[in-house]
Amino acid sequence: MRIEKILLATDLSPRAVAALPAVAGLAHQLSAEVELLYAHEQHKAPGSAAERLEQRDIEAHFQALTAAAAAWDLQPRRKVLAGAPAMALQAAAERDRHALLTLVHDAGHRGSASIARSLAARAVAPLLIVHAPMESKRRFLRPEAPQIRRIACAVDLAEGRTAVLEVAYALAQSLGAKLTLIYALQTRGAEIVFEGNRPHLSPPTGSAIAEVQAAQMRLSALAADLGDTHIGAHVVAASDVAAGIAAAALDAEADLLVVAPRQLGRVARMVLGSVTDRLLQLSPLPIWVMGEALLGQMAAQGDG
């Protein structure tokens, strides 16, 4: 999968600035251009004072965001899209076949989570979700570094070698980053506790010990099948699959987490609902989402 353009969506709030370090790192490492997008439904009469005021607000926001981007050596283009945000952003991503659509997620802003869910399901482009700073998550973050040096990829051992695994491997090669495969083994009573600056992973007990060892062997074999001896493999036992993935990614000191919601396991989806939603709540890392529509298109095209 080739990325030539990074589309950074903004809602005219200061939250978009939170995505600039991750966007800048990827843009420089992938030699990709950056475009700022603002999508909104037009309810004001054309030429009215209200419309002119809105246009001034949009222009002022773009200027401020462009000035902030300059600190990361970015010179983004900018575009205003007409229509419901999720649909307009989806259409913009579809027009640029080699685009990465980037959103800023704020747990306190219901609209951002709704748009992220919609795009994760429907967009035929990879989705990068970056967190707006929150006090509850900020303590887990290392000092910001523009480059992506470590990537964690959540896999489902029942699926084997999948498109998301191939994408994560190709992305790691493109960025010169170390790849670690993560598998969360759902285990009753295995709670993940976040304390201090890293998660506390409790060792498995009882019959779970053998299950983790067997899963570790299978995950290591999957990593070896990619033909790169530097790929890591990490199995974690957790009652909450999303918490296990988030904790394992932090434990691997990853800068980016790659997931495909439909390939995280049928049981996890049934028990936890949306694994992506849970990861957005738990993980402070930027999350690269390979959605349903994108995986379907890749399968049809044979594009791994």
C-alpha atoms as a PDB file:
ATOM      1  CA  MET A   1       0.000   0.000   0.000  1.00  0.00           C
ATOM      2  CA  ARG A   2       1.493   3.300  -1.138  1.00  0.00           C
ATOM      3  CA  ILE A   3       0.681   6.563   0.639  1.00  0.00           C
ATOM      4  CA  GLU A   4       1.203   9.710  -1.414  1.00  0.00           C
ATOM      5  CA  LYS A   5      -1.063  12.141   0.423  1.00  0.00           C
ATOM      6  CA  ILE A   6      -2.146  12.601   4.038  1.00  0.00           C
ATOM      7  CA  LEU A   7      -5.568  14.197   4.435  1.00  0.00           C
ATOM      8  CA  LEU A   8      -5.918  15.867   7.852  1.00  0.00           C
ATOM      9  CA  ALA A   9      -9.544  16.562   8.731  1.00  0.00           C
ATOM     10  CA  THR A  10     -10.352  19.479  11.021  1.00  0.00           C
ATOM     11  CA  ASP A  11     -13.566  20.666  12.672  1.00  0.00           C
ATOM     12  CA  LEU A  12     -12.229  24.220  13.214  1.00  0.00           C
ATOM     13  CA  SER A  13     -11.340  23.418  16.832  1.00  0.00           C
ATOM     14  CA  PRO A  14      -7.763  23.515  18.239  1.00  0.00           C
ATOM     15  CA  ARG A  15      -7.812  19.693  18.362  1.00  0.00           C
ATOM     16  CA  ALA A  16      -6.366  19.351  14.854  1.00  0.00           C
ATOM     17  CA  VAL A  17      -3.003  20.639  16.105  1.00  0.00           C
ATOM     18  CA  ALA A  18      -2.663  17.434  18.158  1.00  0.00           C
ATOM     19  CA  ALA A  19      -2.297  15.428  14.939  1.00  0.00           C
ATOM     20  CA  LEU A  20       0.533  17.485  13.470  1.00  0.00           C
ATOM     21  CA  PRO A  21       3.488  15.587  15.040  1.00  0.00           C
ATOM     22  CA  ALA A  22       2.243  12.206  13.778  1.00  0.00           C
ATOM     23  CA  VAL A  23       1.214  13.629  10.409  1.00  0.00           C
ATOM     24  CA  ALA A  24       4.560  15.390   9.998  1.00  0.00           C
ATOM     25  CA  GLY A  25       6.534  12.280  10.889  1.00  0.00           C
ATOM     26  CA  LEU A  26       4.658  10.142   8.396  1.00  0.00           C
ATOM     27  CA  ALA A  27       4.671  12.823   5.701  1.00  0.00           C
ATOM     28  CA  HIS A  28       8.448  13.239   5.884  1.00  0.00           C
ATOM     29  CA  GLN A  29       9.179   9.520   6.148  1.00  0.00           C
ATOM     30  CA  LEU A  30       6.835   8.610   3.284  1.00  0.00           C
ATOM     31  CA  SER A  31       7.537  11.744   1.186  1.00  0.00           C
ATOM     32  CA  ALA A  32       3.801  12.422   1.171  1.00  0.00           C
ATOM     33  CA  GLU A  33       2.065  15.747   0.722  1.00  0.00           C
ATOM     34  CA  VAL A  34      -0.415  17.013   3.319  1.00  0.00           C
ATOM     35  CA  GLU A  35      -3.839  18.521   2.718  1.00  0.00           C
ATOM     36  CA  LEU A  36      -6.095  20.101   5.359  1.00  0.00           C
ATOM     37  CA  LEU A  37      -9.799  19.332   4.984  1.00  0.00           C
ATOM     38  CA  TYR A  38     -12.835  20.936   6.551  1.00  0.00           C
ATOM     39  CA  ALA A  39     -16.217  19.405   5.763  1.00  0.00           C
ATOM     40  CA  HIS A  40     -19.524  20.997   6.683  1.00  0.00           C
ATOM     41  CA  GLU A  41     -23.119  21.182   5.608  1.00  0.00           C
ATOM     42  CA  GLN A  42     -24.076  24.580   4.189  1.00  0.00           C
ATOM     43  CA  HIS A  43     -27.092  25.969   6.031  1.00  0.00           C
ATOM     44  CA  LYS A  44     -26.426  29.675   5.543  1.00  0.00           C
ATOM     45  CA  ALA A  45     -27.769  31.655   2.632  1.00  0.00           C
ATOM     46  CA  PRO A  46     -25.144  32.268  -0.083  1.00  0.00           C
ATOM     47  CA  GLY A  47     -23.772  35.789   0.127  1.00  0.00           C
ATOM     48  CA  SER A  48     -25.368  36.461   3.499  1.00  0.00           C
ATOM     49  CA  ALA A  49     -23.553  38.143   6.394  1.00  0.00           C
ATOM     50  CA  ALA A  50     -23.654  34.832   8.276  1.00  0.00           C
ATOM     51  CA  GLU A  51     -21.956  33.031   5.398  1.00  0.00           C
ATOM     52  CA  ARG A  52     -19.265  35.703   5.114  1.00  0.00           C
ATOM     53  CA  LEU A  53     -18.589  35.461   8.853  1.00  0.00           C
ATOM     54  CA  GLU A  54     -18.336  31.686   8.579  1.00  0.00           C
ATOM     55  CA  GLN A  55     -15.892  31.959   5.684  1.00  0.00           C
ATOM     56  CA  ARG A  56     -13.720  34.322   7.730  1.00  0.00           C
ATOM     57  CA  ASP A  57     -13.721  31.828  10.611  1.00  0.00           C
ATOM     58  CA  ILE A  58     -12.722  28.997   8.275  1.00  0.00           C
ATOM     59  CA  GLU A  59      -9.929  31.054   6.725  1.00  0.00           C
ATOM     60  CA  ALA A  60      -8.616  32.153  10.132  1.00  0.00           C
ATOM     61  CA  HIS A  61      -8.548  28.538  11.320  1.00  0.00           C
ATOM     62  CA  PHE A  62      -6.735  27.337   8.196  1.00  0.00           C
ATOM     63  CA  GLN A  63      -4.159  30.107   8.594  1.00  0.00           C
ATOM     64  CA  ALA A  64      -3.545  29.215  12.241  1.00  0.00           C
ATOM     65  CA  LEU A  65      -3.281  25.497  11.458  1.00  0.00           C
ATOM     66  CA  THR A  66      -0.958  26.167   8.515  1.00  0.00           C
ATOM     67  CA  ALA A  67       1.269  28.307  10.763  1.00  0.00           C
ATOM     68  CA  ALA A  68       1.388  25.513  13.341  1.00  0.00           C
ATOM     69  CA  ALA A  69       2.212  22.991  10.604  1.00  0.00           C
ATOM     70  CA  ALA A  70       5.179  25.110   9.547  1.00  0.00           C
ATOM     71  CA  ALA A  71       6.846  24.253  12.863  1.00  0.00           C
ATOM     72  CA  TRP A  72       6.948  20.661  11.611  1.00  0.00           C
ATOM     73  CA  ASP A  73       8.266  21.714   8.174  1.00  0.00           C
ATOM     74  CA  LEU A  74       4.904  21.158   6.530  1.00  0.00           C
ATOM     75  CA  GLN A  75       3.347  23.313   3.838  1.00  0.00           C
ATOM     76  CA  PRO A  76      -0.132  21.835   3.560  1.00  0.00           C
ATOM     77  CA  ARG A  77      -2.734  22.597   0.965  1.00  0.00           C
ATOM     78  CA  ARG A  78      -6.267  23.220   2.186  1.00  0.00           C
ATOM     79  CA  LYS A  79      -9.745  22.464   0.953  1.00  0.00           C
ATOM     80  CA  VAL A  80     -13.320  23.035   2.119  1.00  0.00           C
ATOM     81  CA  LEU A  81     -15.776  20.215   1.421  1.00  0.00           C
ATOM     82  CA  ALA A  82     -19.548  20.580   1.225  1.00  0.00           C
ATOM     83  CA  GLY A  83     -21.764  17.946   2.812  1.00  0.00           C
ATOM     84  CA  ALA A  84     -22.122  15.859   5.949  1.00  0.00           C
ATOM     85  CA  PRO A  85     -18.584  15.473   7.378  1.00  0.00           C
ATOM     86  CA  ALA A  86     -18.351  11.671   7.332  1.00  0.00           C
ATOM     87  CA  MET A  87     -19.689  11.372   3.770  1.00  0.00           C
ATOM     88  CA  ALA A  88     -17.660  14.315   2.436  1.00  0.00           C
ATOM     89  CA  LEU A  89     -14.431  13.027   3.976  1.00  0.00           C
ATOM     90  CA  GLN A  90     -15.130   9.532   2.672  1.00  0.00           C
ATOM     91  CA  ALA A  91     -15.603  10.910  -0.851  1.00  0.00           C
ATOM     92  CA  ALA A  92     -12.378  12.930  -0.594  1.00  0.00           C
ATOM     93  CA  ALA A  93     -10.438   9.827   0.443  1.00  0.00           C
ATOM     94  CA  GLU A  94     -11.929   7.842  -2.437  1.00  0.00           C
ATOM     95  CA  ARG A  95     -10.796  10.458  -4.955  1.00  0.00           C
ATOM     96  CA  ASP A  96      -7.172  10.075  -3.795  1.00  0.00           C
ATOM     97  CA  ARG A  97      -6.418   6.381  -4.187  1.00  0.00           C
ATOM     98  CA  HIS A  98      -3.142   6.569  -2.264  1.00  0.00           C
ATOM     99  CA  ALA A  99      -4.364   8.762   0.580  1.00  0.00           C
ATOM    100  CA  LEU A 100      -4.285   8.346   4.345  1.00  0.00           C
ATOM    101  CA  LEU A 101      -7.259  10.020   6.010  1.00  0.00           C
ATOM    102  CA  THR A 102      -6.395  11.439   9.447  1.00  0.00           C
ATOM    103  CA  LEU A 103      -8.834  12.338  12.211  1.00  0.00           C
ATOM    104  CA  VAL A 104      -8.351  13.723  15.696  1.00  0.00           C
ATOM    105  CA  HIS A 105     -10.269  11.835  18.366  1.00  0.00           C
ATOM    106  CA  ASP A 106     -11.442  13.538  21.537  1.00  0.00           C
ATOM    107  CA  ALA A 107     -13.177  11.287  24.074  1.00  0.00           C
ATOM    108  CA  GLY A 108     -15.078  14.307  25.336  1.00  0.00           C
ATOM    109  CA  HIS A 109     -16.409  15.152  21.869  1.00  0.00           C
ATOM    110  CA  ARG A 110     -19.142  12.748  20.787  1.00  0.00           C
ATOM    111  CA  GLY A 111     -19.090  13.849  17.159  1.00  0.00           C
ATOM    112  CA  SER A 112     -15.457  12.877  16.547  1.00  0.00           C
ATOM    113  CA  ALA A 113     -16.065   9.294  17.756  1.00  0.00           C
ATOM    114  CA  SER A 114     -19.164   8.977  15.559  1.00  0.00           C
ATOM    115  CA  ILE A 115     -17.308  10.141  12.440  1.00  0.00           C
ATOM    116  CA  ALA A 116     -14.388   7.800  13.212  1.00  0.00           C
ATOM    117  CA  ARG A 117     -16.747   4.802  13.517  1.00  0.00           C
ATOM    118  CA  SER A 118     -18.490   5.643  10.266  1.00  0.00           C
ATOM    119  CA  LEU A 119     -15.276   6.081   8.308  1.00  0.00           C
ATOM    120  CA  ALA A 120     -13.674   2.962   9.799  1.00  0.00           C
ATOM    121  CA  ALA A 121     -16.565   0.955   8.382  1.00  0.00           C
ATOM    122  CA  ARG A 122     -17.086   2.668   5.029  1.00  0.00           C
ATOM    123  CA  ALA A 123     -13.938   4.446   3.843  1.00  0.00           C
ATOM    124  CA  VAL A 124     -11.870   2.759   1.121  1.00  0.00           C
ATOM    125  CA  ALA A 125      -8.736   4.406   2.484  1.00  0.00           C
ATOM    126  CA  PRO A 126      -6.696   3.686   5.607  1.00  0.00           C
ATOM    127  CA  LEU A 127      -7.682   5.825   8.575  1.00  0.00           C
ATOM    128  CA  LEU A 128      -5.216   7.322  11.056  1.00  0.00           C
ATOM    129  CA  ILE A 129      -6.804   8.348  14.353  1.00  0.00           C
ATOM    130  CA  VAL A 130      -4.753  10.615  16.608  1.00  0.00           C
ATOM    131  CA  HIS A 131      -5.802  11.505  20.125  1.00  0.00           C
ATOM    132  CA  ALA A 132      -6.384  15.014  21.350  1.00  0.00           C
ATOM    133  CA  PRO A 133      -4.343  15.508  24.548  1.00  0.00           C
ATOM    134  CA  MET A 134      -6.108  14.381  27.700  1.00  0.00           C
ATOM    135  CA  GLU A 135      -4.734  14.458  31.229  1.00  0.00           C
ATOM    136  CA  SER A 136      -5.777  10.842  31.807  1.00  0.00           C
ATOM    137  CA  LYS A 137      -3.772   9.687  28.773  1.00  0.00           C
ATOM    138  CA  ARG A 138      -0.951  12.204  28.666  1.00  0.00           C
ATOM    139  CA  ARG A 139       0.954  10.431  31.441  1.00  0.00           C
ATOM    140  CA  PHE A 140       1.446   7.387  29.186  1.00  0.00           C
ATOM    141  CA  LEU A 141       2.953   9.392  26.334  1.00  0.00           C
ATOM    142  CA  ARG A 142       6.691   9.668  25.846  1.00  0.00           C
ATOM    143  CA  PRO A 143       8.088  13.036  24.663  1.00  0.00           C
ATOM    144  CA  GLU A 144       6.771  13.622  21.163  1.00  0.00           C
ATOM    145  CA  ALA A 145       9.057  12.399  18.406  1.00  0.00           C
ATOM    146  CA  PRO A 146       8.167  13.076  14.763  1.00  0.00           C
ATOM    147  CA  GLN A 147       9.447   9.751  13.442  1.00  0.00           C
ATOM    148  CA  ILE A 148       7.649   6.423  13.647  1.00  0.00           C
ATOM    149  CA  ARG A 149      10.319   3.954  14.791  1.00  0.00           C
ATOM    150  CA  ARG A 150       8.199   1.124  16.214  1.00  0.00           C
ATOM    151  CA  ILE A 151       4.904  -0.241  14.915  1.00  0.00           C
ATOM    152  CA  ALA A 152       2.587  -2.667  16.696  1.00  0.00           C
ATOM    153  CA  CYS A 153       0.070  -4.668  14.665  1.00  0.00           C
ATOM    154  CA  ALA A 154      -2.849  -6.470  16.321  1.00  0.00           C
ATOM    155  CA  VAL A 155      -3.561  -9.806  14.650  1.00  0.00           C
ATOM    156  CA  ASP A 156      -6.009 -12.680  14.995  1.00  0.00           C
ATOM    157  CA  LEU A 157      -4.278 -16.060  14.919  1.00  0.00           C
ATOM    158  CA  ALA A 158      -7.420 -17.669  13.497  1.00  0.00           C
ATOM    159  CA  GLU A 159      -7.084 -15.477  10.409  1.00  0.00           C
ATOM    160  CA  GLY A 160      -3.389 -16.172   9.789  1.00  0.00           C
ATOM    161  CA  ARG A 161      -1.511 -14.004   7.299  1.00  0.00           C
ATOM    162  CA  THR A 162      -3.974 -11.237   6.432  1.00  0.00           C
ATOM    163  CA  ALA A 163      -4.062  -8.025   4.434  1.00  0.00           C
ATOM    164  CA  VAL A 164      -3.599  -5.904   7.548  1.00  0.00           C
ATOM    165  CA  LEU A 165      -0.470  -7.875   8.432  1.00  0.00           C
ATOM    166  CA  GLU A 166       0.920  -7.358   4.947  1.00  0.00           C
ATOM    167  CA  VAL A 167       0.148  -3.618   5.163  1.00  0.00           C
ATOM    168  CA  ALA A 168       1.799  -3.299   8.573  1.00  0.00           C
ATOM    169  CA  TYR A 169       4.894  -5.119   7.312  1.00  0.00           C
ATOM    170  CA  ALA A 170       5.117  -2.962   4.176  1.00  0.00           C
ATOM    171  CA  LEU A 171       4.586   0.183   6.258  1.00  0.00           C
ATOM    172  CA  ALA A 172       7.335  -0.819   8.665  1.00  0.00           C
ATOM    173  CA  GLN A 173       9.701  -1.395   5.748  1.00  0.00           C
ATOM    174  CA  SER A 174       8.810   1.970   4.199  1.00  0.00           C
ATOM    175  CA  LEU A 175       9.392   3.797   7.475  1.00  0.00           C
ATOM    176  CA  GLY A 176      12.441   1.801   8.535  1.00  0.00           C
ATOM    177  CA  ALA A 177      10.520   0.870  11.693  1.00  0.00           C
ATOM    178  CA  LYS A 178      10.552  -2.248  13.860  1.00  0.00           C
ATOM    179  CA  LEU A 179       7.334  -4.279  13.662  1.00  0.00           C
ATOM    180  CA  THR A 180       5.853  -6.181  16.607  1.00  0.00           C
ATOM    181  CA  LEU A 181       2.870  -8.500  16.156  1.00  0.00           C
ATOM    182  CA  ILE A 182       0.395  -8.515  19.037  1.00  0.00           C
ATOM    183  CA  TYR A 183      -2.212 -11.119  19.916  1.00  0.00           C
ATOM    184  CA  ALA A 184      -4.580 -10.674  22.862  1.00  0.00           C
ATOM    185  CA  LEU A 185      -5.718 -14.037  24.208  1.00  0.00           C
ATOM    186  CA  GLN A 186      -9.079 -13.568  25.887  1.00  0.00           C
ATOM    187  CA  THR A 187      -8.673 -15.005  29.381  1.00  0.00           C
ATOM    188  CA  ARG A 188     -11.212 -14.710  32.163  1.00  0.00           C
ATOM    189  CA  GLY A 189      -9.883 -12.859  35.194  1.00  0.00           C
ATOM    190  CA  ALA A 190      -6.750 -11.541  33.461  1.00  0.00           C
ATOM    191  CA  GLU A 191      -7.149  -7.846  34.152  1.00  0.00           C
ATOM    192  CA  ILE A 192      -4.914  -5.144  32.700  1.00  0.00           C
ATOM    193  CA  VAL A 193      -3.989  -2.353  35.114  1.00  0.00           C
ATOM    194  CA  PHE A 194      -2.543   0.940  33.895  1.00  0.00           C
ATOM    195  CA  GLU A 195      -0.343   2.485  36.552  1.00  0.00           C
ATOM    196  CA  GLY A 196       2.592   4.853  36.440  1.00  0.00           C
ATOM    197  CA  ASN A 197       3.900   5.427  32.938  1.00  0.00           C
ATOM    198  CA  ARG A 198       3.188   1.944  31.584  1.00  0.00           C
ATOM    199  CA  PRO A 199       0.581  -0.814  31.826  1.00  0.00           C
ATOM    200  CA  HIS A 200       0.922  -3.674  34.281  1.00  0.00           C
ATOM    201  CA  LEU A 201       0.571  -7.009  32.497  1.00  0.00           C
ATOM    202  CA  SER A 202      -0.255  -9.782  34.955  1.00  0.00           C
ATOM    203  CA  PRO A 203       1.385 -13.147  34.122  1.00  0.00           C
ATOM    204  CA  PRO A 204      -1.044 -15.883  33.086  1.00  0.00           C
ATOM    205  CA  THR A 205      -2.002 -18.513  35.635  1.00  0.00           C
ATOM    206  CA  GLY A 206      -3.388 -22.045  35.570  1.00  0.00           C
ATOM    207  CA  SER A 207      -4.447 -23.415  32.194  1.00  0.00           C
ATOM    208  CA  ALA A 208      -3.865 -20.001  30.612  1.00  0.00           C
ATOM    209  CA  ILE A 209      -0.107 -20.546  30.843  1.00  0.00           C
ATOM    210  CA  ALA A 210      -0.175 -23.358  28.293  1.00  0.00           C
ATOM    211  CA  GLU A 211      -2.604 -21.426  26.102  1.00  0.00           C
ATOM    212  CA  VAL A 212      -0.327 -18.376  26.053  1.00  0.00           C
ATOM    213  CA  GLN A 213       2.709 -20.531  25.262  1.00  0.00           C
ATOM    214  CA  ALA A 214       0.876 -22.200  22.362  1.00  0.00           C
ATOM    215  CA  ALA A 215      -0.312 -18.833  21.054  1.00  0.00           C
ATOM    216  CA  GLN A 216       3.207 -17.427  21.354  1.00  0.00           C
ATOM    217  CA  MET A 217       4.563 -20.264  19.204  1.00  0.00           C
ATOM    218  CA  ARG A 218       1.900 -19.673  16.547  1.00  0.00           C
ATOM    219  CA  LEU A 219       2.453 -15.897  16.568  1.00  0.00           C
ATOM    220  CA  SER A 220       6.229 -16.351  16.311  1.00  0.00           C
ATOM    221  CA  ALA A 221       5.703 -18.690  13.359  1.00  0.00           C
ATOM    222  CA  LEU A 222       3.474 -16.075  11.714  1.00  0.00           C
ATOM    223  CA  ALA A 223       6.198 -13.461  12.187  1.00  0.00           C
ATOM    224  CA  ALA A 224       8.830 -15.836  10.785  1.00  0.00           C
ATOM    225  CA  ASP A 225       6.615 -16.481   7.746  1.00  0.00           C
ATOM    226  CA  LEU A 226       7.158 -12.851   6.733  1.00  0.00           C
ATOM    227  CA  GLY A 227      10.839 -13.673   6.260  1.00  0.00           C
ATOM    228  CA  ASP A 228      12.198 -11.002   8.608  1.00  0.00           C
ATOM    229  CA  THR A 229      13.997 -12.126  11.755  1.00  0.00           C
ATOM    230  CA  HIS A 230      13.620  -8.692  13.352  1.00  0.00           C
ATOM    231  CA  ILE A 231       9.826  -8.881  13.699  1.00  0.00           C
ATOM    232  CA  GLY A 232       8.695  -9.176  17.316  1.00  0.00           C
ATOM    233  CA  ALA A 233       5.804 -11.305  18.597  1.00  0.00           C
ATOM    234  CA  HIS A 234       3.970 -10.585  21.839  1.00  0.00           C
ATOM    235  CA  VAL A 235       1.025 -12.542  23.281  1.00  0.00           C
ATOM    236  CA  VAL A 236      -0.872 -11.059  26.208  1.00  0.00           C
ATOM    237  CA  ALA A 237      -3.632 -12.681  28.265  1.00  0.00           C
ATOM    238  CA  ALA A 238      -6.487 -10.290  28.981  1.00  0.00           C
ATOM    239  CA  SER A 239     -10.161 -10.466  29.832  1.00  0.00           C
ATOM    240  CA  ASP A 240     -10.612  -7.286  27.788  1.00  0.00           C
ATOM    241  CA  VAL A 241      -9.107  -7.842  24.329  1.00  0.00           C
ATOM    242  CA  ALA A 242      -8.877  -4.120  23.537  1.00  0.00           C
ATOM    243  CA  ALA A 243      -7.127  -3.426  26.859  1.00  0.00           C
ATOM    244  CA  GLY A 244      -4.702  -6.248  26.115  1.00  0.00           C
ATOM    245  CA  ILE A 245      -3.882  -4.834  22.696  1.00  0.00           C
ATOM    246  CA  ALA A 246      -3.461  -1.304  24.059  1.00  0.00           C
ATOM    247  CA  ALA A 247      -1.240  -2.514  26.894  1.00  0.00           C
ATOM    248  CA  ALA A 248       0.904  -4.748  24.681  1.00  0.00           C
ATOM    249  CA  ALA A 249       1.459  -1.918  22.190  1.00  0.00           C
ATOM    250  CA  LEU A 250       2.623   0.393  24.971  1.00  0.00           C
ATOM    251  CA  ASP A 251       4.780  -2.374  26.440  1.00  0.00           C
ATOM    252  CA  ALA A 252       6.441  -2.722  23.009  1.00  0.00           C
ATOM    253  CA  GLU A 253       7.109   1.046  23.078  1.00  0.00           C
ATOM    254  CA  ALA A 254       5.244   1.395  19.789  1.00  0.00           C
ATOM    255  CA  ASP A 255       4.749   4.775  18.152  1.00  0.00           C
ATOM    256  CA  LEU A 256       1.842   3.523  16.025  1.00  0.00           C
ATOM    257  CA  LEU A 257      -0.786   0.792  16.391  1.00  0.00           C
ATOM    258  CA  VAL A 258      -2.219  -0.897  13.271  1.00  0.00           C
ATOM    259  CA  VAL A 259      -5.583  -2.679  13.558  1.00  0.00           C
ATOM    260  CA  ALA A 260      -8.329  -4.128  11.383  1.00  0.00           C
ATOM    261  CA  PRO A 261     -11.489  -4.355  13.533  1.00  0.00           C
ATOM    262  CA  ARG A 262     -13.019  -7.265  11.638  1.00  0.00           C
ATOM    263  CA  GLN A 263      -9.823  -9.303  12.042  1.00  0.00           C
ATOM    264  CA  LEU A 264      -9.527  -9.021  15.811  1.00  0.00           C
ATOM    265  CA  GLY A 265     -11.635 -12.087  16.427  1.00  0.00           C
ATOM    266  CA  ARG A 266     -15.352 -12.909  16.347  1.00  0.00           C
ATOM    267  CA  VAL A 267     -15.586 -13.432  20.117  1.00  0.00           C
ATOM    268  CA  ALA A 268     -13.958 -10.085  20.829  1.00  0.00           C
ATOM    269  CA  ARG A 269     -16.432  -8.291  18.568  1.00  0.00           C
ATOM    270  CA  MET A 270     -19.423 -10.055  20.134  1.00  0.00           C
ATOM    271  CA  VAL A 271     -18.351  -9.487  23.739  1.00  0.00           C
ATOM    272  CA  LEU A 272     -16.867  -6.007  23.499  1.00  0.00           C
ATOM    273  CA  GLY A 273     -18.841  -4.473  20.661  1.00  0.00           C
ATOM    274  CA  SER A 274     -16.492  -2.228  18.741  1.00  0.00           C
ATOM    275  CA  VAL A 275     -12.865  -3.047  19.555  1.00  0.00           C
ATOM    276  CA  THR A 276     -11.867   0.154  17.797  1.00  0.00           C
ATOM    277  CA  ASP A 277     -14.048   2.190  20.157  1.00  0.00           C
ATOM    278  CA  ARG A 278     -12.405   0.552  23.155  1.00  0.00           C
ATOM    279  CA  LEU A 279      -8.925   1.154  21.765  1.00  0.00           C
ATOM    280  CA  LEU A 280      -9.767   4.819  21.269  1.00  0.00           C
ATOM    281  CA  GLN A 281     -10.697   4.975  24.945  1.00  0.00           C
ATOM    282  CA  LEU A 282      -7.662   3.087  26.216  1.00  0.00           C
ATOM    283  CA  SER A 283      -4.688   3.694  23.931  1.00  0.00           C
ATOM    284  CA  PRO A 284      -2.895   7.049  23.652  1.00  0.00           C
ATOM    285  CA  LEU A 285      -1.116   5.907  20.482  1.00  0.00           C
ATOM    286  CA  PRO A 286      -2.047   6.971  16.957  1.00  0.00           C
ATOM    287  CA  ILE A 287      -4.157   4.141  15.516  1.00  0.00           C
ATOM    288  CA  TRP A 288      -3.958   3.119  11.849  1.00  0.00           C
ATOM    289  CA  VAL A 289      -7.317   1.500  11.034  1.00  0.00           C
ATOM    290  CA  MET A 290      -7.900  -0.804   8.074  1.00  0.00           C
ATOM    291  CA  GLY A 291     -11.693  -0.726   7.743  1.00  0.00           C
ATOM    292  CA  GLU A 292     -14.236  -3.140   6.333  1.00  0.00           C
ATOM    293  CA  ALA A 293     -14.689  -1.431   2.966  1.00  0.00           C
ATOM    294  CA  LEU A 294     -10.950  -1.031   2.419  1.00  0.00           C
ATOM    295  CA  LEU A 295     -10.183  -4.674   3.200  1.00  0.00           C
ATOM    296  CA  GLY A 296     -12.992  -5.753   0.912  1.00  0.00           C
ATOM    297  CA  GLN A 297     -11.622  -3.648  -1.920  1.00  0.00           C
ATOM    298  CA  MET A 298      -8.089  -4.966  -1.370  1.00  0.00           C
ATOM    299  CA  ALA A 299      -9.353  -8.556  -1.440  1.00  0.00           C
ATOM    300  CA  ALA A 300     -11.224  -7.920  -4.690  1.00  0.00           C
ATOM    301  CA  GLN A 301      -8.178  -6.301  -6.282  1.00  0.00           C
ATOM    302  CA  GLY A 302      -5.685  -8.786  -4.855  1.00  0.00           C
ATOM    303  CA  ASP A 303      -3.768  -5.823  -3.376  1.00  0.00           C
ATOM    304  CA  GLY A 304      -1.989  -6.872  -0.188  1.00  0.00           C
END
